[in-house]
Amino acid sequence: MNRFRHESREHVSAIPSGSTLSDVTMVSRHVEAGVHLLPRAPHHRIMVHASAATRSYCNQVGRYFVRRAGDIDLVPAGEEGGFEAETPFDTMEIVLQPALMERVAAELGGRARASRLDIRHLLRDQRIEHLARALQSDLAADAPSGPLFAEGIGAALAVRLLGLDGPDVVRVNRLSDAQLKRVLEHIESALHEPLSIDRLSRVAGASSSHLRTWFKAAMGVTLHRYVLRRRVERACVLLRRRDLSTSEVAALTGFAHQSHLAHWMRRETGQTPRDLRRAHSPK
């Protein structure tokens, strides 16, 4: 049994992966003081402390720890954990499926191996913390960035965990001109559709992990951000034509709804759809 007593403000972000279980899931928890047990589970658990200093007793090592914001505990699949917290605290718990770790290790090749992870306490890792907070921010906004963003976060976490105990992963140099051309043309023709990293990696003829790295090297921007920018740019063209409603433009450019479109237009251009149409209204 998993005893997080009196949990509140719990939010779950589950990202479809084409299988029964999601590759990456996040739960934001408020945990009350007391004894808490973490039973063995078939998935890896990454817990990022999100409160001020909290003193707790760890059952595994038989000693007290003081956890501060950003401290990370890693409980691998098949391991159990437990602690006694002296005060309430908030935590971000990320679940990663072992299949994701194995797939990323296979795609990266080189010296990366999906070896058995070790239990870690009070790990400090800025990359893991940054990725966790990015996923939490997207969750707080009801996951407006879609599956491409979440899939990227999950894979990046897997890459980082694979590199905790070993040398950096070996990466190949770049996409060929033909591969890059295929990906860019496919994005242009399918901006109105869901675009996953798996779909685009099949178009490129490259692994999803390599595609993320190579695309950023070629274009100077992440694949996720490039798709968003092209959607916003296409939306701006359609909005200036004034023959479609904002909701229709959102649907034609791959946004979940007009508020989703407005959010990313403001981020990318500093304008909302209403601002743009006012600026281009007939005098």
C-alpha atoms as a PDB file:
ATOM      1  CA  MET A   1       0.000   0.000   0.000  1.00  0.00           C
ATOM      2  CA  ASN A   2       1.182   3.480  -0.845  1.00  0.00           C
ATOM      3  CA  ARG A   3       0.573   5.687   2.188  1.00  0.00           C
ATOM      4  CA  PHE A   4       0.756   9.405   1.428  1.00  0.00           C
ATOM      5  CA  ARG A   5      -1.560  10.529   4.227  1.00  0.00           C
ATOM      6  CA  HIS A   6      -4.102  13.296   3.758  1.00  0.00           C
ATOM      7  CA  GLU A   7      -2.923  14.153   0.244  1.00  0.00           C
ATOM      8  CA  SER A   8      -4.269  17.396  -1.217  1.00  0.00           C
ATOM      9  CA  ARG A   9      -3.775  19.572  -4.281  1.00  0.00           C
ATOM     10  CA  GLU A  10      -2.884  16.439  -6.256  1.00  0.00           C
ATOM     11  CA  HIS A  11      -2.598  16.843 -10.017  1.00  0.00           C
ATOM     12  CA  VAL A  12      -1.768  14.033 -12.420  1.00  0.00           C
ATOM     13  CA  SER A  13      -0.294  14.475 -15.913  1.00  0.00           C
ATOM     14  CA  ALA A  14      -0.392  11.271 -17.939  1.00  0.00           C
ATOM     15  CA  ILE A  15       1.015  11.375 -21.441  1.00  0.00           C
ATOM     16  CA  PRO A  16      -0.177   8.717 -23.912  1.00  0.00           C
ATOM     17  CA  SER A  17       2.603   6.627 -25.391  1.00  0.00           C
ATOM     18  CA  GLY A  18       0.673   4.285 -27.656  1.00  0.00           C
ATOM     19  CA  SER A  19       0.546   1.595 -24.981  1.00  0.00           C
ATOM     20  CA  THR A  20      -1.525   0.810 -21.909  1.00  0.00           C
ATOM     21  CA  LEU A  21       0.852   2.670 -19.589  1.00  0.00           C
ATOM     22  CA  SER A  22       2.185   6.160 -20.159  1.00  0.00           C
ATOM     23  CA  ASP A  23       5.948   6.538 -20.430  1.00  0.00           C
ATOM     24  CA  VAL A  24       5.965   9.523 -18.087  1.00  0.00           C
ATOM     25  CA  THR A  25       3.483  10.605 -15.410  1.00  0.00           C
ATOM     26  CA  MET A  26       3.667  13.387 -12.823  1.00  0.00           C
ATOM     27  CA  VAL A  27       1.831  13.790  -9.527  1.00  0.00           C
ATOM     28  CA  SER A  28       2.127  16.991  -7.465  1.00  0.00           C
ATOM     29  CA  ARG A  29       1.510  16.085  -3.832  1.00  0.00           C
ATOM     30  CA  HIS A  30       1.037  17.814  -0.511  1.00  0.00           C
ATOM     31  CA  VAL A  31       2.223  15.293   2.074  1.00  0.00           C
ATOM     32  CA  GLU A  32       1.280  15.544   5.744  1.00  0.00           C
ATOM     33  CA  ALA A  33       3.680  14.841   8.627  1.00  0.00           C
ATOM     34  CA  GLY A  34       3.885  11.217   9.673  1.00  0.00           C
ATOM     35  CA  VAL A  35       5.078   7.800   8.554  1.00  0.00           C
ATOM     36  CA  HIS A  36       4.872   7.055   4.813  1.00  0.00           C
ATOM     37  CA  LEU A  37       5.546   3.802   3.001  1.00  0.00           C
ATOM     38  CA  LEU A  38       6.551   3.453  -0.669  1.00  0.00           C
ATOM     39  CA  PRO A  39       5.878  -0.153  -1.742  1.00  0.00           C
ATOM     40  CA  ARG A  40       7.688  -1.884  -4.571  1.00  0.00           C
ATOM     41  CA  ALA A  41       6.398  -0.708  -7.943  1.00  0.00           C
ATOM     42  CA  PRO A  42       7.020  -1.712 -11.587  1.00  0.00           C
ATOM     43  CA  HIS A  43       8.160   1.816 -12.486  1.00  0.00           C
ATOM     44  CA  HIS A  44      10.935   4.234 -11.541  1.00  0.00           C
ATOM     45  CA  ARG A  45       9.983   7.086  -9.187  1.00  0.00           C
ATOM     46  CA  ILE A  46      11.730  10.477  -9.147  1.00  0.00           C
ATOM     47  CA  MET A  47      10.664  12.708  -6.247  1.00  0.00           C
ATOM     48  CA  VAL A  48      11.719  16.357  -6.291  1.00  0.00           C
ATOM     49  CA  HIS A  49      11.284  18.179  -2.982  1.00  0.00           C
ATOM     50  CA  ALA A  50       9.312  21.404  -3.512  1.00  0.00           C
ATOM     51  CA  SER A  51       9.191  22.927  -0.003  1.00  0.00           C
ATOM     52  CA  ALA A  52      11.507  24.678   2.413  1.00  0.00           C
ATOM     53  CA  ALA A  53      13.760  22.566   4.649  1.00  0.00           C
ATOM     54  CA  THR A  54      11.947  19.443   5.880  1.00  0.00           C
ATOM     55  CA  ARG A  55      13.483  17.052   8.410  1.00  0.00           C
ATOM     56  CA  SER A  56      12.670  13.378   7.941  1.00  0.00           C
ATOM     57  CA  TYR A  57      13.921   9.958   9.029  1.00  0.00           C
ATOM     58  CA  CYS A  58      14.834   7.518   6.241  1.00  0.00           C
ATOM     59  CA  ASN A  59      14.034   3.885   6.984  1.00  0.00           C
ATOM     60  CA  GLN A  60      16.509   2.512   4.421  1.00  0.00           C
ATOM     61  CA  VAL A  61      19.648   4.085   5.862  1.00  0.00           C
ATOM     62  CA  GLY A  62      18.480   4.569   9.443  1.00  0.00           C
ATOM     63  CA  ARG A  63      19.268   8.262   9.791  1.00  0.00           C
ATOM     64  CA  TYR A  64      17.717  11.734   9.629  1.00  0.00           C
ATOM     65  CA  PHE A  65      17.923  13.922   6.531  1.00  0.00           C
ATOM     66  CA  VAL A  66      17.040  17.564   5.935  1.00  0.00           C
ATOM     67  CA  ARG A  67      15.498  17.900   2.484  1.00  0.00           C
ATOM     68  CA  ARG A  68      15.514  21.300   0.817  1.00  0.00           C
ATOM     69  CA  ALA A  69      13.785  22.559  -2.322  1.00  0.00           C
ATOM     70  CA  GLY A  70      15.311  20.809  -5.323  1.00  0.00           C
ATOM     71  CA  ASP A  71      16.590  17.738  -3.462  1.00  0.00           C
ATOM     72  CA  ILE A  72      15.837  14.580  -5.447  1.00  0.00           C
ATOM     73  CA  ASP A  73      15.105  11.044  -4.283  1.00  0.00           C
ATOM     74  CA  LEU A  74      15.228   8.214  -6.819  1.00  0.00           C
ATOM     75  CA  VAL A  75      13.427   4.927  -6.116  1.00  0.00           C
ATOM     76  CA  PRO A  76      14.021   2.475  -8.988  1.00  0.00           C
ATOM     77  CA  ALA A  77      11.482  -0.080 -10.174  1.00  0.00           C
ATOM     78  CA  GLY A  78      11.221  -3.035  -7.819  1.00  0.00           C
ATOM     79  CA  GLU A  79      12.574  -1.121  -4.819  1.00  0.00           C
ATOM     80  CA  GLU A  80      10.622   0.022  -1.780  1.00  0.00           C
ATOM     81  CA  GLY A  81      11.063   3.126   0.326  1.00  0.00           C
ATOM     82  CA  GLY A  82       9.802   4.720   3.472  1.00  0.00           C
ATOM     83  CA  PHE A  83      10.293   7.731   5.691  1.00  0.00           C
ATOM     84  CA  GLU A  84       8.864   9.681   8.598  1.00  0.00           C
ATOM     85  CA  ALA A  85       8.380  13.409   7.955  1.00  0.00           C
ATOM     86  CA  GLU A  86       8.386  15.773  10.922  1.00  0.00           C
ATOM     87  CA  THR A  87       6.464  18.506   9.066  1.00  0.00           C
ATOM     88  CA  PRO A  88       4.165  18.677   6.001  1.00  0.00           C
ATOM     89  CA  PHE A  89       5.797  19.282   2.631  1.00  0.00           C
ATOM     90  CA  ASP A  90       5.152  19.456  -1.127  1.00  0.00           C
ATOM     91  CA  THR A  91       6.787  17.185  -3.657  1.00  0.00           C
ATOM     92  CA  MET A  92       6.754  16.520  -7.393  1.00  0.00           C
ATOM     93  CA  GLU A  93       6.710  12.785  -8.100  1.00  0.00           C
ATOM     94  CA  ILE A  94       7.563  11.674 -11.625  1.00  0.00           C
ATOM     95  CA  VAL A  95       6.949   8.101 -12.759  1.00  0.00           C
ATOM     96  CA  LEU A  96       9.050   6.706 -15.610  1.00  0.00           C
ATOM     97  CA  GLN A  97       8.382   3.314 -17.181  1.00  0.00           C
ATOM     98  CA  PRO A  98      11.457   1.030 -17.491  1.00  0.00           C
ATOM     99  CA  ALA A  99      10.507   0.453 -21.140  1.00  0.00           C
ATOM    100  CA  LEU A 100      11.250   4.134 -21.816  1.00  0.00           C
ATOM    101  CA  MET A 101      14.712   3.812 -20.258  1.00  0.00           C
ATOM    102  CA  GLU A 102      15.445   0.704 -22.318  1.00  0.00           C
ATOM    103  CA  ARG A 103      14.217   2.309 -25.534  1.00  0.00           C
ATOM    104  CA  VAL A 104      16.259   5.487 -25.046  1.00  0.00           C
ATOM    105  CA  ALA A 105      19.383   3.481 -24.183  1.00  0.00           C
ATOM    106  CA  ALA A 106      18.955   1.386 -27.332  1.00  0.00           C
ATOM    107  CA  GLU A 107      18.401   4.473 -29.497  1.00  0.00           C
ATOM    108  CA  LEU A 108      21.439   6.312 -28.160  1.00  0.00           C
ATOM    109  CA  GLY A 109      23.778   3.355 -28.439  1.00  0.00           C
ATOM    110  CA  GLY A 110      27.393   4.044 -27.619  1.00  0.00           C
ATOM    111  CA  ARG A 111      28.133   3.551 -23.934  1.00  0.00           C
ATOM    112  CA  ALA A 112      24.548   4.091 -22.759  1.00  0.00           C
ATOM    113  CA  ARG A 113      23.034   1.061 -21.032  1.00  0.00           C
ATOM    114  CA  ALA A 114      19.675   0.656 -19.339  1.00  0.00           C
ATOM    115  CA  SER A 115      21.417  -0.885 -16.344  1.00  0.00           C
ATOM    116  CA  ARG A 116      19.691  -1.259 -13.003  1.00  0.00           C
ATOM    117  CA  LEU A 117      19.345   2.104 -11.282  1.00  0.00           C
ATOM    118  CA  ASP A 118      20.425   2.613  -7.685  1.00  0.00           C
ATOM    119  CA  ILE A 119      18.365   4.205  -4.919  1.00  0.00           C
ATOM    120  CA  ARG A 120      19.489   7.810  -4.445  1.00  0.00           C
ATOM    121  CA  HIS A 121      18.793  10.218  -1.579  1.00  0.00           C
ATOM    122  CA  LEU A 122      19.238  14.003  -1.643  1.00  0.00           C
ATOM    123  CA  LEU A 123      20.580  13.976  -5.179  1.00  0.00           C
ATOM    124  CA  ARG A 124      21.228  17.476  -6.551  1.00  0.00           C
ATOM    125  CA  ASP A 125      20.909  17.679 -10.324  1.00  0.00           C
ATOM    126  CA  GLN A 126      19.900  20.932 -12.028  1.00  0.00           C
ATOM    127  CA  ARG A 127      18.865  19.196 -15.263  1.00  0.00           C
ATOM    128  CA  ILE A 128      16.460  16.818 -13.536  1.00  0.00           C
ATOM    129  CA  GLU A 129      15.018  19.643 -11.427  1.00  0.00           C
ATOM    130  CA  HIS A 130      14.578  21.878 -14.498  1.00  0.00           C
ATOM    131  CA  LEU A 131      12.820  19.111 -16.444  1.00  0.00           C
ATOM    132  CA  ALA A 132      10.529  18.354 -13.500  1.00  0.00           C
ATOM    133  CA  ARG A 133       9.520  21.992 -13.136  1.00  0.00           C
ATOM    134  CA  ALA A 134       8.892  22.296 -16.879  1.00  0.00           C
ATOM    135  CA  LEU A 135       6.554  19.306 -16.726  1.00  0.00           C
ATOM    136  CA  GLN A 136       4.857  20.704 -13.614  1.00  0.00           C
ATOM    137  CA  SER A 137       4.290  24.088 -15.307  1.00  0.00           C
ATOM    138  CA  ASP A 138       2.697  22.397 -18.296  1.00  0.00           C
ATOM    139  CA  LEU A 139       0.511  20.363 -15.947  1.00  0.00           C
ATOM    140  CA  ALA A 140      -0.591  23.497 -14.078  1.00  0.00           C
ATOM    141  CA  ALA A 141      -1.735  24.927 -17.422  1.00  0.00           C
ATOM    142  CA  ASP A 142      -3.732  21.733 -18.196  1.00  0.00           C
ATOM    143  CA  ALA A 143      -0.970  20.404 -20.477  1.00  0.00           C
ATOM    144  CA  PRO A 144      -1.362  22.952 -23.326  1.00  0.00           C
ATOM    145  CA  SER A 145       1.884  21.919 -25.043  1.00  0.00           C
ATOM    146  CA  GLY A 146       0.642  18.501 -26.056  1.00  0.00           C
ATOM    147  CA  PRO A 147       2.285  15.063 -26.269  1.00  0.00           C
ATOM    148  CA  LEU A 148       5.385  16.195 -28.177  1.00  0.00           C
ATOM    149  CA  PHE A 149       6.510  18.318 -25.217  1.00  0.00           C
ATOM    150  CA  ALA A 150       5.809  15.639 -22.606  1.00  0.00           C
ATOM    151  CA  GLU A 151       7.494  12.911 -24.655  1.00  0.00           C
ATOM    152  CA  GLY A 152      10.576  15.102 -24.915  1.00  0.00           C
ATOM    153  CA  ILE A 153      10.655  15.669 -21.146  1.00  0.00           C
ATOM    154  CA  GLY A 154      10.376  11.931 -20.480  1.00  0.00           C
ATOM    155  CA  ALA A 155      13.163  11.057 -22.909  1.00  0.00           C
ATOM    156  CA  ALA A 156      15.416  13.819 -21.543  1.00  0.00           C
ATOM    157  CA  LEU A 157      14.905  12.496 -18.010  1.00  0.00           C
ATOM    158  CA  ALA A 158      15.764   8.993 -19.198  1.00  0.00           C
ATOM    159  CA  VAL A 159      18.962  10.238 -20.848  1.00  0.00           C
ATOM    160  CA  ARG A 160      19.975  12.046 -17.663  1.00  0.00           C
ATOM    161  CA  LEU A 161      19.311   9.027 -15.438  1.00  0.00           C
ATOM    162  CA  LEU A 162      21.320   6.822 -17.786  1.00  0.00           C
ATOM    163  CA  GLY A 163      24.242   9.228 -17.441  1.00  0.00           C
ATOM    164  CA  LEU A 164      24.270   9.532 -13.634  1.00  0.00           C
ATOM    165  CA  ASP A 165      26.856   6.774 -13.126  1.00  0.00           C
ATOM    166  CA  GLY A 166      28.741   6.814 -16.381  1.00  0.00           C
ATOM    167  CA  PRO A 167      30.347   8.885 -19.125  1.00  0.00           C
ATOM    168  CA  ASP A 168      28.343  11.103 -21.378  1.00  0.00           C
ATOM    169  CA  VAL A 169      26.334   9.365 -24.078  1.00  0.00           C
ATOM    170  CA  VAL A 170      28.003   9.212 -27.466  1.00  0.00           C
ATOM    171  CA  ARG A 171      26.027  11.089 -30.101  1.00  0.00           C
ATOM    172  CA  VAL A 172      26.283  11.057 -33.868  1.00  0.00           C
ATOM    173  CA  ASN A 173      26.836  14.331 -35.698  1.00  0.00           C
ATOM    174  CA  ARG A 174      23.787  15.508 -37.607  1.00  0.00           C
ATOM    175  CA  LEU A 175      20.776  15.010 -39.857  1.00  0.00           C
ATOM    176  CA  SER A 176      21.471  14.777 -43.557  1.00  0.00           C
ATOM    177  CA  ASP A 177      20.037  17.505 -45.769  1.00  0.00           C
ATOM    178  CA  ALA A 178      17.482  15.027 -47.109  1.00  0.00           C
ATOM    179  CA  GLN A 179      16.389  13.986 -43.617  1.00  0.00           C
ATOM    180  CA  LEU A 180      15.978  17.583 -42.460  1.00  0.00           C
ATOM    181  CA  LYS A 181      14.041  18.454 -45.621  1.00  0.00           C
ATOM    182  CA  ARG A 182      11.630  15.558 -45.062  1.00  0.00           C
ATOM    183  CA  VAL A 183      10.963  16.574 -41.458  1.00  0.00           C
ATOM    184  CA  LEU A 184      10.400  20.256 -42.289  1.00  0.00           C
ATOM    185  CA  GLU A 185       8.086  19.455 -45.195  1.00  0.00           C
ATOM    186  CA  HIS A 186       6.099  17.010 -43.095  1.00  0.00           C
ATOM    187  CA  ILE A 187       5.654  19.578 -40.331  1.00  0.00           C
ATOM    188  CA  GLU A 188       4.399  22.143 -42.846  1.00  0.00           C
ATOM    189  CA  SER A 189       1.874  19.719 -44.300  1.00  0.00           C
ATOM    190  CA  ALA A 190       0.590  18.501 -40.933  1.00  0.00           C
ATOM    191  CA  LEU A 191       0.512  21.558 -38.654  1.00  0.00           C
ATOM    192  CA  HIS A 192      -3.193  20.935 -38.079  1.00  0.00           C
ATOM    193  CA  GLU A 193      -2.542  17.392 -36.798  1.00  0.00           C
ATOM    194  CA  PRO A 194      -0.989  16.007 -33.587  1.00  0.00           C
ATOM    195  CA  LEU A 195       2.754  15.745 -34.186  1.00  0.00           C
ATOM    196  CA  SER A 196       4.579  13.297 -31.927  1.00  0.00           C
ATOM    197  CA  ILE A 197       8.308  12.705 -31.766  1.00  0.00           C
ATOM    198  CA  ASP A 198       7.741   9.086 -32.846  1.00  0.00           C
ATOM    199  CA  ARG A 199       5.890  10.222 -35.964  1.00  0.00           C
ATOM    200  CA  LEU A 200       8.592  12.707 -36.949  1.00  0.00           C
ATOM    201  CA  SER A 201      11.412  10.265 -36.197  1.00  0.00           C
ATOM    202  CA  ARG A 202       9.821   7.794 -38.636  1.00  0.00           C
ATOM    203  CA  VAL A 203       9.698  10.544 -41.264  1.00  0.00           C
ATOM    204  CA  ALA A 204      13.370  11.354 -40.641  1.00  0.00           C
ATOM    205  CA  GLY A 205      14.480   7.731 -40.544  1.00  0.00           C
ATOM    206  CA  ALA A 206      16.282   8.373 -37.264  1.00  0.00           C
ATOM    207  CA  SER A 207      15.723   7.444 -33.628  1.00  0.00           C
ATOM    208  CA  SER A 208      13.639   9.894 -31.613  1.00  0.00           C
ATOM    209  CA  SER A 209      16.540  10.663 -29.260  1.00  0.00           C
ATOM    210  CA  HIS A 210      18.891  11.411 -32.151  1.00  0.00           C
ATOM    211  CA  LEU A 211      16.261  13.486 -33.931  1.00  0.00           C
ATOM    212  CA  ARG A 212      15.860  15.793 -30.901  1.00  0.00           C
ATOM    213  CA  THR A 213      19.603  16.390 -30.685  1.00  0.00           C
ATOM    214  CA  TRP A 214      20.267  16.689 -34.413  1.00  0.00           C
ATOM    215  CA  PHE A 215      17.271  18.928 -35.097  1.00  0.00           C
ATOM    216  CA  LYS A 216      18.343  21.473 -32.487  1.00  0.00           C
ATOM    217  CA  ALA A 217      21.889  21.415 -33.856  1.00  0.00           C
ATOM    218  CA  ALA A 218      20.576  22.039 -37.396  1.00  0.00           C
ATOM    219  CA  MET A 219      17.879  24.624 -36.630  1.00  0.00           C
ATOM    220  CA  GLY A 220      19.112  26.265 -33.422  1.00  0.00           C
ATOM    221  CA  VAL A 221      15.809  25.557 -31.666  1.00  0.00           C
ATOM    222  CA  THR A 222      14.165  22.466 -30.194  1.00  0.00           C
ATOM    223  CA  LEU A 223      11.780  20.453 -32.330  1.00  0.00           C
ATOM    224  CA  HIS A 224       8.897  21.255 -29.983  1.00  0.00           C
ATOM    225  CA  ARG A 225       9.554  25.007 -30.144  1.00  0.00           C
ATOM    226  CA  TYR A 226       9.959  24.951 -33.934  1.00  0.00           C
ATOM    227  CA  VAL A 227       6.558  23.289 -34.374  1.00  0.00           C
ATOM    228  CA  LEU A 228       4.938  25.821 -32.050  1.00  0.00           C
ATOM    229  CA  ARG A 229       6.503  28.749 -33.909  1.00  0.00           C
ATOM    230  CA  ARG A 230       5.366  27.446 -37.272  1.00  0.00           C
ATOM    231  CA  ARG A 231       1.840  26.963 -35.912  1.00  0.00           C
ATOM    232  CA  VAL A 232       1.797  30.518 -34.586  1.00  0.00           C
ATOM    233  CA  GLU A 233       3.155  31.910 -37.872  1.00  0.00           C
ATOM    234  CA  ARG A 234       0.533  29.994 -39.873  1.00  0.00           C
ATOM    235  CA  ALA A 235      -2.186  31.200 -37.479  1.00  0.00           C
ATOM    236  CA  CYS A 236      -1.090  34.813 -37.946  1.00  0.00           C
ATOM    237  CA  VAL A 237      -1.436  34.457 -41.732  1.00  0.00           C
ATOM    238  CA  LEU A 238      -4.931  33.021 -41.393  1.00  0.00           C
ATOM    239  CA  LEU A 239      -6.022  35.615 -38.829  1.00  0.00           C
ATOM    240  CA  ARG A 240      -5.011  38.467 -41.152  1.00  0.00           C
ATOM    241  CA  ARG A 241      -7.311  37.044 -43.855  1.00  0.00           C
ATOM    242  CA  ARG A 242     -10.294  37.667 -41.530  1.00  0.00           C
ATOM    243  CA  ASP A 243     -12.507  35.042 -43.187  1.00  0.00           C
ATOM    244  CA  LEU A 244     -12.169  32.515 -40.344  1.00  0.00           C
ATOM    245  CA  SER A 245     -13.065  32.711 -36.672  1.00  0.00           C
ATOM    246  CA  THR A 246     -10.304  32.475 -34.085  1.00  0.00           C
ATOM    247  CA  SER A 247     -11.511  29.029 -33.031  1.00  0.00           C
ATOM    248  CA  GLU A 248     -11.395  27.844 -36.656  1.00  0.00           C
ATOM    249  CA  VAL A 249      -7.850  29.197 -37.013  1.00  0.00           C
ATOM    250  CA  ALA A 250      -6.844  27.387 -33.820  1.00  0.00           C
ATOM    251  CA  ALA A 251      -8.195  24.092 -35.151  1.00  0.00           C
ATOM    252  CA  LEU A 252      -6.479  24.541 -38.527  1.00  0.00           C
ATOM    253  CA  THR A 253      -3.101  25.157 -36.912  1.00  0.00           C
ATOM    254  CA  GLY A 254      -3.056  22.340 -34.357  1.00  0.00           C
ATOM    255  CA  PHE A 255      -3.997  24.219 -31.196  1.00  0.00           C
ATOM    256  CA  ALA A 256      -6.422  22.639 -28.735  1.00  0.00           C
ATOM    257  CA  HIS A 257      -8.624  25.744 -28.568  1.00  0.00           C
ATOM    258  CA  GLN A 258      -8.450  29.507 -29.083  1.00  0.00           C
ATOM    259  CA  SER A 259      -7.100  30.134 -25.564  1.00  0.00           C
ATOM    260  CA  HIS A 260      -4.250  27.745 -26.335  1.00  0.00           C
ATOM    261  CA  LEU A 261      -3.555  29.683 -29.537  1.00  0.00           C
ATOM    262  CA  ALA A 262      -3.712  33.016 -27.687  1.00  0.00           C
ATOM    263  CA  HIS A 263      -1.260  31.767 -25.052  1.00  0.00           C
ATOM    264  CA  TRP A 264       1.398  30.788 -27.570  1.00  0.00           C
ATOM    265  CA  MET A 265       0.825  33.828 -29.805  1.00  0.00           C
ATOM    266  CA  ARG A 266       1.462  36.051 -26.806  1.00  0.00           C
ATOM    267  CA  ARG A 267       4.596  34.049 -25.955  1.00  0.00           C
ATOM    268  CA  GLU A 268       5.978  34.158 -29.506  1.00  0.00           C
ATOM    269  CA  THR A 269       4.813  37.521 -30.859  1.00  0.00           C
ATOM    270  CA  GLY A 270       3.645  39.590 -27.886  1.00  0.00           C
ATOM    271  CA  GLN A 271       0.163  39.797 -29.453  1.00  0.00           C
ATOM    272  CA  THR A 272      -3.099  37.929 -29.013  1.00  0.00           C
ATOM    273  CA  PRO A 273      -5.342  37.056 -31.975  1.00  0.00           C
ATOM    274  CA  ARG A 274      -7.556  40.013 -31.034  1.00  0.00           C
ATOM    275  CA  ASP A 275      -4.534  42.355 -30.972  1.00  0.00           C
ATOM    276  CA  LEU A 276      -3.419  41.194 -34.409  1.00  0.00           C
ATOM    277  CA  ARG A 277      -6.872  41.607 -35.947  1.00  0.00           C
ATOM    278  CA  ARG A 278      -7.289  45.079 -34.463  1.00  0.00           C
ATOM    279  CA  ALA A 279      -3.906  46.093 -35.856  1.00  0.00           C
ATOM    280  CA  HIS A 280      -4.919  44.896 -39.345  1.00  0.00           C
ATOM    281  CA  SER A 281      -8.518  46.043 -39.348  1.00  0.00           C
ATOM    282  CA  PRO A 282      -9.634  48.273 -42.251  1.00  0.00           C
ATOM    283  CA  LYS A 283      -9.180  51.955 -41.472  1.00  0.00           C
END
